[in-house]
Amino acid sequence: MIKKSDIVVSTAGRDEGKLFFVMEEDGEFAYLANGRERKIESPKKKKIKHLQFISESECRAAEKLRSGEKLTNSEIRRALSSVDRQNGDEGGM
């Protein structure tokens, strides 16, 4: 079950293969941001069936998102790049 602050990868569409933070979850849809193409101010609405769960993040950005604190696009980019590097070290996705 995908929930707020999880890290997911898109499995369909023109953003296929890209990492995102789940900003909000609403039934069959999730609102996603990655701090680059999709900013916090205009998250992408995507069906959950087109997402693959990567990890439940415990980084500072995820904690801020869960607690409702103000989060910046640069914090999201930093958190996603560290996850991307970790997955690269393990052999990629």
Protein backbone atom coordinates (compact mmCIF):
# COMPACT_ATOMS: atom_id res chain seq x y z
CA MET A 1 0.00 0.00 0.00
CA ILE A 2 1.49 3.29 -1.10
CA LYS A 3 1.12 6.16 1.35
CA LYS A 4 2.26 9.74 1.93
CA SER A 5 6.07 10.23 2.01
CA ASP A 6 6.87 6.92 0.29
CA ILE A 7 9.35 6.88 -2.56
CA VAL A 8 8.00 5.35 -5.76
CA VAL A 9 9.04 4.89 -9.38
CA SER A 10 6.67 5.46 -12.29
CA THR A 11 6.04 2.33 -14.37
CA ALA A 12 4.02 3.93 -17.19
CA GLY A 13 3.79 7.15 -19.16
CA ARG A 14 6.38 9.65 -20.29
CA ASP A 15 7.81 9.79 -16.75
CA GLU A 16 8.45 6.02 -16.70
CA GLY A 17 11.49 5.08 -14.62
CA LYS A 18 11.62 8.35 -12.64
CA LEU A 19 11.62 8.53 -8.84
CA PHE A 20 9.00 10.54 -6.97
CA PHE A 21 7.88 11.33 -3.43
CA VAL A 22 4.21 10.66 -2.71
CA MET A 23 2.89 14.02 -1.54
CA GLU A 24 -0.66 12.78 -0.96
CA GLU A 25 -2.63 9.60 -1.57
CA ASP A 26 -6.32 9.69 -2.52
CA GLY A 27 -8.00 6.34 -3.22
CA GLU A 28 -6.70 5.09 -6.57
CA PHE A 29 -4.56 8.19 -7.21
CA ALA A 30 -1.31 9.51 -5.76
CA TYR A 31 0.05 13.06 -6.06
CA LEU A 32 3.76 12.99 -6.84
CA ALA A 33 6.65 15.47 -6.80
CA ASN A 34 10.34 15.13 -7.57
CA GLY A 35 11.43 18.76 -7.20
CA ARG A 36 12.43 19.07 -10.87
CA GLU A 37 9.75 18.50 -13.52
CA ARG A 38 7.09 18.10 -10.86
CA LYS A 39 7.35 20.68 -8.10
CA ILE A 40 5.61 20.65 -4.73
CA GLU A 41 3.36 23.46 -5.92
CA SER A 42 1.96 21.36 -8.82
CA PRO A 43 2.26 17.64 -8.05
CA LYS A 44 1.49 15.04 -10.71
CA LYS A 45 -1.73 13.08 -10.30
CA LYS A 46 -1.07 9.44 -11.23
CA LYS A 47 -2.93 6.18 -10.77
CA ILE A 48 -1.40 4.03 -8.05
CA LYS A 49 -1.44 0.99 -10.36
CA HIS A 50 1.18 2.81 -12.49
CA LEU A 51 3.59 3.14 -9.56
CA GLN A 52 6.07 0.76 -7.99
CA PHE A 53 6.95 1.12 -4.31
CA ILE A 54 10.70 1.65 -3.75
CA SER A 55 11.05 2.48 -0.07
CA GLU A 56 9.51 4.04 2.98
CA SER A 57 11.81 6.96 3.50
CA GLU A 58 13.10 7.98 6.92
CA CYS A 59 15.01 11.02 5.65
CA ARG A 60 14.40 14.52 6.98
CA ALA A 61 12.30 15.46 3.92
CA ALA A 62 9.94 12.52 4.53
CA GLU A 63 9.63 13.39 8.22
CA LYS A 64 8.76 17.00 7.32
CA LEU A 65 6.16 15.81 4.81
CA ARG A 66 4.51 13.47 7.33
CA SER A 67 4.42 16.13 10.04
CA GLY A 68 3.07 18.83 7.72
CA GLU A 69 6.12 21.10 7.95
CA LYS A 70 7.11 23.30 5.01
CA LEU A 71 9.17 21.34 2.50
CA THR A 72 11.24 22.71 -0.37
CA ASN A 73 11.84 21.31 -3.84
CA SER A 74 15.59 21.19 -3.18
CA GLU A 75 15.04 18.97 -0.11
CA ILE A 76 13.02 16.55 -2.25
CA ARG A 77 15.70 16.53 -4.97
CA ARG A 78 18.43 15.85 -2.41
CA ALA A 79 16.49 12.98 -0.80
CA LEU A 80 15.64 11.36 -4.15
CA SER A 81 19.23 11.63 -5.41
CA SER A 82 20.52 9.81 -2.33
CA VAL A 83 17.97 7.01 -2.92
CA ASP A 84 18.95 6.88 -6.60
CA ARG A 85 22.65 6.56 -5.66
CA GLN A 86 21.87 3.78 -3.16
CA ASN A 87 19.91 1.83 -5.77
CA GLY A 88 22.73 2.34 -8.26
CA ASP A 89 25.19 0.78 -5.81
CA GLU A 90 22.91 -2.25 -5.39
CA GLY A 91 22.66 -2.89 -9.11
CA GLY A 92 19.94 -0.44 -10.11
CA MET A 93 16.25 -0.88 -10.73
